[in-house]
Amino acid sequence: LPSLVAEVVAEFPAASRVRTQIEVEDLPF
């Protein structure tokens, strides 16, 4: 999920102005 969010955000012009805050537990899925 953290990599996915980073990829999505990076595709938009506003990426440089947006900060991400990600907290994900290490859970197998």
PDB file of all heavy atoms in Angstrom:
ATOM      1  N   LEU A   1       0.797  -1.232   0.000  1.00  0.00           N
ATOM      2  CA  LEU A   1       0.000   0.000   0.000  1.00  0.00           C
ATOM      3  C   LEU A   1       0.833   1.288   0.000  1.00  0.00           C
ATOM      4  O   LEU A   1       0.492   2.229  -0.730  1.00  0.00           O
ATOM      5  CB  LEU A   1      -0.978  -0.029   1.177  1.00  0.00           C
ATOM      6  CG  LEU A   1      -2.068  -1.100   1.086  1.00  0.00           C
ATOM      7  CD1 LEU A   1      -2.999  -1.018   2.294  1.00  0.00           C
ATOM      8  CD2 LEU A   1      -2.866  -0.954  -0.209  1.00  0.00           C
ATOM      9  N   PRO A   2       1.913   1.403   0.803  1.00  0.00           N
ATOM     10  CA  PRO A   2       2.689   2.657   0.742  1.00  0.00           C
ATOM     11  C   PRO A   2       3.237   2.934  -0.660  1.00  0.00           C
ATOM     12  O   PRO A   2       3.217   4.084  -1.129  1.00  0.00           O
ATOM     13  CB  PRO A   2       3.819   2.408   1.745  1.00  0.00           C
ATOM     14  CG  PRO A   2       3.242   1.431   2.723  1.00  0.00           C
ATOM     15  CD  PRO A   2       2.390   0.516   1.893  1.00  0.00           C
ATOM     16  N   SER A   3       3.725   1.889  -1.359  1.00  0.00           N
ATOM     17  CA  SER A   3       4.253   2.083  -2.715  1.00  0.00           C
ATOM     18  C   SER A   3       3.141   2.501  -3.671  1.00  0.00           C
ATOM     19  O   SER A   3       3.346   3.342  -4.555  1.00  0.00           O
ATOM     20  CB  SER A   3       4.898   0.785  -3.215  1.00  0.00           C
ATOM     21  OG  SER A   3       5.975   0.412  -2.383  1.00  0.00           O
ATOM     22  N   LEU A   4       1.966   1.902  -3.496  1.00  0.00           N
ATOM     23  CA  LEU A   4       0.842   2.241  -4.361  1.00  0.00           C
ATOM     24  C   LEU A   4       0.442   3.702  -4.191  1.00  0.00           C
ATOM     25  O   LEU A   4       0.241   4.432  -5.176  1.00  0.00           O
ATOM     26  CB  LEU A   4      -0.345   1.324  -4.047  1.00  0.00           C
ATOM     27  CG  LEU A   4      -1.646   1.619  -4.785  1.00  0.00           C
ATOM     28  CD1 LEU A   4      -1.448   1.540  -6.295  1.00  0.00           C
ATOM     29  CD2 LEU A   4      -2.756   0.675  -4.339  1.00  0.00           C
ATOM     30  N   VAL A   5       0.322   4.158  -2.940  1.00  0.00           N
ATOM     31  CA  VAL A   5      -0.043   5.562  -2.690  1.00  0.00           C
ATOM     32  C   VAL A   5       0.994   6.504  -3.302  1.00  0.00           C
ATOM     33  O   VAL A   5       0.642   7.524  -3.929  1.00  0.00           O
ATOM     34  CB  VAL A   5      -0.198   5.811  -1.176  1.00  0.00           C
ATOM     35  CG1 VAL A   5      -0.396   7.307  -0.902  1.00  0.00           C
ATOM     36  CG2 VAL A   5      -1.371   5.003  -0.622  1.00  0.00           C
ATOM     37  N   ALA A   6       2.269   6.174  -3.138  1.00  0.00           N
ATOM     38  CA  ALA A   6       3.338   7.022  -3.695  1.00  0.00           C
ATOM     39  C   ALA A   6       3.229   7.108  -5.215  1.00  0.00           C
ATOM     40  O   ALA A   6       3.421   8.187  -5.809  1.00  0.00           O
ATOM     41  CB  ALA A   6       4.702   6.455  -3.285  1.00  0.00           C
ATOM     42  N   GLU A   7       2.926   5.972  -5.872  1.00  0.00           N
ATOM     43  CA  GLU A   7       2.787   5.951  -7.334  1.00  0.00           C
ATOM     44  C   GLU A   7       1.622   6.825  -7.782  1.00  0.00           C
ATOM     45  O   GLU A   7       1.719   7.585  -8.757  1.00  0.00           O
ATOM     46  CB  GLU A   7       2.551   4.508  -7.804  1.00  0.00           C
ATOM     47  CG  GLU A   7       3.759   3.607  -7.741  1.00  0.00           C
ATOM     48  CD  GLU A   7       4.536   3.599  -9.050  1.00  0.00           C
ATOM     49  OE1 GLU A   7       4.019   4.128 -10.051  1.00  0.00           O
ATOM     50  OE2 GLU A   7       5.652   3.074  -9.060  1.00  0.00           O
ATOM     51  N   VAL A   8       0.472   6.730  -7.081  1.00  0.00           N
ATOM     52  CA  VAL A   8      -0.717   7.505  -7.461  1.00  0.00           C
ATOM     53  C   VAL A   8      -0.448   8.991  -7.302  1.00  0.00           C
ATOM     54  O   VAL A   8      -0.736   9.808  -8.198  1.00  0.00           O
ATOM     55  CB  VAL A   8      -1.938   7.070  -6.617  1.00  0.00           C
ATOM     56  CG1 VAL A   8      -3.135   7.986  -6.918  1.00  0.00           C
ATOM     57  CG2 VAL A   8      -2.296   5.612  -6.903  1.00  0.00           C
ATOM     58  N   VAL A   9       0.098   9.382  -6.156  1.00  0.00           N
ATOM     59  CA  VAL A   9       0.348  10.805  -5.873  1.00  0.00           C
ATOM     60  C   VAL A   9       1.308  11.395  -6.894  1.00  0.00           C
ATOM     61  O   VAL A   9       1.135  12.532  -7.376  1.00  0.00           O
ATOM     62  CB  VAL A   9       0.891  10.972  -4.438  1.00  0.00           C
ATOM     63  CG1 VAL A   9       1.397  12.412  -4.214  1.00  0.00           C
ATOM     64  CG2 VAL A   9      -0.184  10.613  -3.413  1.00  0.00           C
ATOM     65  N   ALA A  10       2.339  10.587  -7.260  1.00  0.00           N
ATOM     66  CA  ALA A  10       3.380  11.094  -8.166  1.00  0.00           C
ATOM     67  C   ALA A  10       2.845  11.408  -9.558  1.00  0.00           C
ATOM     68  O   ALA A  10       3.482  12.159 -10.315  1.00  0.00           O
ATOM     69  CB  ALA A  10       4.518  10.085  -8.264  1.00  0.00           C
ATOM     70  N   GLU A  11       1.687  10.898  -9.929  1.00  0.00           N
ATOM     71  CA  GLU A  11       1.139  11.093 -11.269  1.00  0.00           C
ATOM     72  C   GLU A  11       0.469  12.458 -11.439  1.00  0.00           C
ATOM     73  O   GLU A  11       0.128  12.838 -12.556  1.00  0.00           O
ATOM     74  CB  GLU A  11       0.125   9.986 -11.585  1.00  0.00           C
ATOM     75  CG  GLU A  11       0.729   8.644 -11.920  1.00  0.00           C
ATOM     76  CD  GLU A  11       1.616   8.736 -13.159  1.00  0.00           C
ATOM     77  OE1 GLU A  11       1.146   9.194 -14.209  1.00  0.00           O
ATOM     78  OE2 GLU A  11       2.803   8.343 -13.045  1.00  0.00           O
ATOM     79  N   PHE A  12       0.270  13.196 -10.344  1.00  0.00           N
ATOM     80  CA  PHE A  12      -0.482  14.452 -10.426  1.00  0.00           C
ATOM     81  C   PHE A  12       0.455  15.654 -10.301  1.00  0.00           C
ATOM     82  O   PHE A  12       1.471  15.602  -9.593  1.00  0.00           O
ATOM     83  CB  PHE A  12      -1.548  14.488  -9.328  1.00  0.00           C
ATOM     84  CG  PHE A  12      -2.691  13.547  -9.596  1.00  0.00           C
ATOM     85  CD1 PHE A  12      -2.638  12.217  -9.158  1.00  0.00           C
ATOM     86  CD2 PHE A  12      -3.807  13.975 -10.302  1.00  0.00           C
ATOM     87  CE1 PHE A  12      -3.678  11.356  -9.409  1.00  0.00           C
ATOM     88  CE2 PHE A  12      -4.858  13.118 -10.555  1.00  0.00           C
ATOM     89  CZ  PHE A  12      -4.793  11.799 -10.117  1.00  0.00           C
ATOM     90  N   PRO A  13       0.101  16.751 -10.979  1.00  0.00           N
ATOM     91  CA  PRO A  13       0.936  17.966 -10.912  1.00  0.00           C
ATOM     92  C   PRO A  13       1.116  18.475  -9.483  1.00  0.00           C
ATOM     93  O   PRO A  13       2.138  19.085  -9.158  1.00  0.00           O
ATOM     94  CB  PRO A  13       0.155  18.969 -11.768  1.00  0.00           C
ATOM     95  CG  PRO A  13      -0.668  18.129 -12.691  1.00  0.00           C
ATOM     96  CD  PRO A  13      -1.015  16.913 -11.924  1.00  0.00           C
ATOM     97  N   ALA A  14       0.130  18.237  -8.622  1.00  0.00           N
ATOM     98  CA  ALA A  14       0.202  18.758  -7.251  1.00  0.00           C
ATOM     99  C   ALA A  14       1.081  17.906  -6.334  1.00  0.00           C
ATOM    100  O   ALA A  14       1.168  18.164  -5.133  1.00  0.00           O
ATOM    101  CB  ALA A  14      -1.208  18.848  -6.666  1.00  0.00           C
ATOM    102  N   ALA A  15       1.741  16.867  -6.906  1.00  0.00           N
ATOM    103  CA  ALA A  15       2.506  15.922  -6.081  1.00  0.00           C
ATOM    104  C   ALA A  15       3.552  16.618  -5.234  1.00  0.00           C
ATOM    105  O   ALA A  15       3.773  16.255  -4.058  1.00  0.00           O
ATOM    106  CB  ALA A  15       3.162  14.869  -6.978  1.00  0.00           C
ATOM    107  N   SER A  16       4.194  17.646  -5.755  1.00  0.00           N
ATOM    108  CA  SER A  16       5.268  18.315  -5.005  1.00  0.00           C
ATOM    109  C   SER A  16       4.727  19.087  -3.816  1.00  0.00           C
ATOM    110  O   SER A  16       5.470  19.412  -2.877  1.00  0.00           O
ATOM    111  CB  SER A  16       6.039  19.259  -5.934  1.00  0.00           C
ATOM    112  OG  SER A  16       5.166  20.249  -6.454  1.00  0.00           O
ATOM    113  N   ARG A  17       3.414  19.401  -3.832  1.00  0.00           N
ATOM    114  CA  ARG A  17       2.835  20.194  -2.739  1.00  0.00           C
ATOM    115  C   ARG A  17       2.079  19.334  -1.727  1.00  0.00           C
ATOM    116  O   ARG A  17       1.592  19.859  -0.741  1.00  0.00           O
ATOM    117  CB  ARG A  17       1.867  21.227  -3.328  1.00  0.00           C
ATOM    118  CG  ARG A  17       2.560  22.238  -4.227  1.00  0.00           C
ATOM    119  CD  ARG A  17       1.586  23.289  -4.755  1.00  0.00           C
ATOM    120  NE  ARG A  17       0.737  22.773  -5.821  1.00  0.00           N
ATOM    121  CZ  ARG A  17      -0.573  22.618  -5.737  1.00  0.00           C
ATOM    122  NH1 ARG A  17      -1.210  22.904  -4.616  1.00  0.00           N
ATOM    123  NH2 ARG A  17      -1.276  22.158  -6.765  1.00  0.00           N
ATOM    124  N   VAL A  18       1.985  18.009  -2.030  1.00  0.00           N
ATOM    125  CA  VAL A  18       1.195  17.137  -1.151  1.00  0.00           C
ATOM    126  C   VAL A  18       2.116  16.205  -0.362  1.00  0.00           C
ATOM    127  O   VAL A  18       2.980  15.522  -0.930  1.00  0.00           O
ATOM    128  CB  VAL A  18       0.182  16.314  -1.973  1.00  0.00           C
ATOM    129  CG1 VAL A  18      -0.538  15.304  -1.075  1.00  0.00           C
ATOM    130  CG2 VAL A  18      -0.823  17.243  -2.647  1.00  0.00           C
ATOM    131  N   ARG A  19       1.903  16.192   0.939  1.00  0.00           N
ATOM    132  CA  ARG A  19       2.658  15.305   1.822  1.00  0.00           C
ATOM    133  C   ARG A  19       1.801  14.061   2.118  1.00  0.00           C
ATOM    134  O   ARG A  19       0.590  14.158   2.226  1.00  0.00           O
ATOM    135  CB  ARG A  19       2.982  16.042   3.115  1.00  0.00           C
ATOM    136  CG  ARG A  19       3.798  15.244   4.123  1.00  0.00           C
ATOM    137  CD  ARG A  19       4.256  16.170   5.248  1.00  0.00           C
ATOM    138  NE  ARG A  19       3.117  16.791   5.923  1.00  0.00           N
ATOM    139  CZ  ARG A  19       2.501  16.272   6.990  1.00  0.00           C
ATOM    140  NH1 ARG A  19       2.882  15.075   7.462  1.00  0.00           N
ATOM    141  NH2 ARG A  19       1.485  16.895   7.560  1.00  0.00           N
ATOM    142  N   THR A  20       2.465  12.926   2.209  1.00  0.00           N
ATOM    143  CA  THR A  20       1.733  11.693   2.555  1.00  0.00           C
ATOM    144  C   THR A  20       2.081  11.276   3.975  1.00  0.00           C
ATOM    145  O   THR A  20       3.223  11.428   4.427  1.00  0.00           O
ATOM    146  CB  THR A  20       2.075  10.543   1.593  1.00  0.00           C
ATOM    147  OG1 THR A  20       3.483  10.314   1.604  1.00  0.00           O
ATOM    148  CG2 THR A  20       1.611  10.858   0.178  1.00  0.00           C
ATOM    149  N   GLN A  21       1.085  10.748   4.637  1.00  0.00           N
ATOM    150  CA  GLN A  21       1.263  10.239   6.009  1.00  0.00           C
ATOM    151  C   GLN A  21       0.684   8.815   6.044  1.00  0.00           C
ATOM    152  O   GLN A  21      -0.520   8.631   5.978  1.00  0.00           O
ATOM    153  CB  GLN A  21       0.538  11.145   7.016  1.00  0.00           C
ATOM    154  CG  GLN A  21       0.708  10.709   8.460  1.00  0.00           C
ATOM    155  CD  GLN A  21       0.156  11.755   9.406  1.00  0.00           C
ATOM    156  OE1 GLN A  21       0.650  12.898   9.464  1.00  0.00           O
ATOM    157  NE2 GLN A  21      -0.880  11.381  10.136  1.00  0.00           N
ATOM    158  N   ILE A  22       1.574   7.821   6.133  1.00  0.00           N
ATOM    159  CA  ILE A  22       1.144   6.425   5.982  1.00  0.00           C
ATOM    160  C   ILE A  22       1.581   5.603   7.201  1.00  0.00           C
ATOM    161  O   ILE A  22       2.753   5.624   7.586  1.00  0.00           O
ATOM    162  CB  ILE A  22       1.730   5.807   4.690  1.00  0.00           C
ATOM    163  CG1 ILE A  22       1.224   6.597   3.467  1.00  0.00           C
ATOM    164  CG2 ILE A  22       1.353   4.330   4.575  1.00  0.00           C
ATOM    165  CD1 ILE A  22       1.843   6.185   2.171  1.00  0.00           C
ATOM    166  N   GLU A  23       0.623   4.919   7.796  1.00  0.00           N
ATOM    167  CA  GLU A  23       0.900   4.013   8.918  1.00  0.00           C
ATOM    168  C   GLU A  23       0.197   2.678   8.627  1.00  0.00           C
ATOM    169  O   GLU A  23      -1.023   2.579   8.730  1.00  0.00           O
ATOM    170  CB  GLU A  23       0.391   4.606  10.233  1.00  0.00           C
ATOM    171  CG  GLU A  23       1.079   5.909  10.628  1.00  0.00           C
ATOM    172  CD  GLU A  23       0.514   6.464  11.929  1.00  0.00           C
ATOM    173  OE1 GLU A  23      -0.081   5.672  12.695  1.00  0.00           O
ATOM    174  OE2 GLU A  23       0.661   7.680  12.152  1.00  0.00           O
ATOM    175  N   VAL A  24       0.977   1.690   8.260  1.00  0.00           N
ATOM    176  CA  VAL A  24       0.422   0.386   7.873  1.00  0.00           C
ATOM    177  C   VAL A  24       1.097  -0.714   8.684  1.00  0.00           C
ATOM    178  O   VAL A  24       2.324  -0.810   8.696  1.00  0.00           O
ATOM    179  CB  VAL A  24       0.633   0.114   6.365  1.00  0.00           C
ATOM    180  CG1 VAL A  24       0.039  -1.248   5.972  1.00  0.00           C
ATOM    181  CG2 VAL A  24       0.010   1.226   5.529  1.00  0.00           C
ATOM    182  N   GLU A  25       0.290  -1.543   9.338  1.00  0.00           N
ATOM    183  CA  GLU A  25       0.841  -2.681  10.069  1.00  0.00           C
ATOM    184  C   GLU A  25       1.294  -3.757   9.083  1.00  0.00           C
ATOM    185  O   GLU A  25       0.779  -3.864   7.971  1.00  0.00           O
ATOM    186  CB  GLU A  25      -0.200  -3.270  11.026  1.00  0.00           C
ATOM    187  CG  GLU A  25      -0.506  -2.382  12.214  1.00  0.00           C
ATOM    188  CD  GLU A  25      -1.410  -3.080  13.218  1.00  0.00           C
ATOM    189  OE1 GLU A  25      -1.360  -4.345  13.292  1.00  0.00           O
ATOM    190  OE2 GLU A  25      -2.160  -2.394  13.927  1.00  0.00           O
ATOM    191  N   ASP A  26       2.258  -4.551   9.532  1.00  0.00           N
ATOM    192  CA  ASP A  26       2.801  -5.623   8.690  1.00  0.00           C
ATOM    193  C   ASP A  26       1.862  -6.825   8.746  1.00  0.00           C
ATOM    194  O   ASP A  26       2.043  -7.760   9.517  1.00  0.00           O
ATOM    195  CB  ASP A  26       4.202  -6.005   9.183  1.00  0.00           C
ATOM    196  CG  ASP A  26       4.895  -6.947   8.215  1.00  0.00           C
ATOM    197  OD1 ASP A  26       4.340  -7.218   7.137  1.00  0.00           O
ATOM    198  OD2 ASP A  26       6.000  -7.428   8.542  1.00  0.00           O
ATOM    199  N   LEU A  27       0.837  -6.812   7.884  1.00  0.00           N
ATOM    200  CA  LEU A  27      -0.195  -7.851   7.902  1.00  0.00           C
ATOM    201  C   LEU A  27      -0.210  -8.591   6.563  1.00  0.00           C
ATOM    202  O   LEU A  27      -0.361  -7.967   5.514  1.00  0.00           O
ATOM    203  CB  LEU A  27      -1.569  -7.227   8.154  1.00  0.00           C
ATOM    204  CG  LEU A  27      -1.718  -6.454   9.467  1.00  0.00           C
ATOM    205  CD1 LEU A  27      -3.053  -5.722   9.478  1.00  0.00           C
ATOM    206  CD2 LEU A  27      -1.615  -7.390  10.657  1.00  0.00           C
ATOM    207  N   PRO A  28      -0.054  -9.916   6.565  1.00  0.00           N
ATOM    208  CA  PRO A  28      -0.129 -10.671   5.310  1.00  0.00           C
ATOM    209  C   PRO A  28      -1.562 -10.666   4.769  1.00  0.00           C
ATOM    210  O   PRO A  28      -2.526 -10.717   5.532  1.00  0.00           O
ATOM    211  CB  PRO A  28       0.311 -12.081   5.716  1.00  0.00           C
ATOM    212  CG  PRO A  28       0.012 -12.161   7.175  1.00  0.00           C
ATOM    213  CD  PRO A  28       0.209 -10.783   7.720  1.00  0.00           C
ATOM    214  N   PHE A  29      -1.677 -10.624   3.457  1.00  0.00           N
ATOM    215  CA  PHE A  29      -2.986 -10.505   2.832  1.00  0.00           C
ATOM    216  C   PHE A  29      -3.017 -11.372   1.585  1.00  0.00           C
ATOM    217  O   PHE A  29      -2.035 -11.435   0.830  1.00  0.00           O
ATOM    218  CB  PHE A  29      -3.252  -9.037   2.463  1.00  0.00           C
ATOM    219  CG  PHE A  29      -4.700  -8.641   2.538  1.00  0.00           C
ATOM    220  CD1 PHE A  29      -5.319  -8.427   3.763  1.00  0.00           C
ATOM    221  CD2 PHE A  29      -5.443  -8.474   1.377  1.00  0.00           C
ATOM    222  CE1 PHE A  29      -6.650  -8.053   3.831  1.00  0.00           C
ATOM    223  CE2 PHE A  29      -6.773  -8.098   1.436  1.00  0.00           C
ATOM    224  CZ  PHE A  29      -7.380  -7.889   2.669  1.00  0.00           C
TER     225      PHE A  29
END
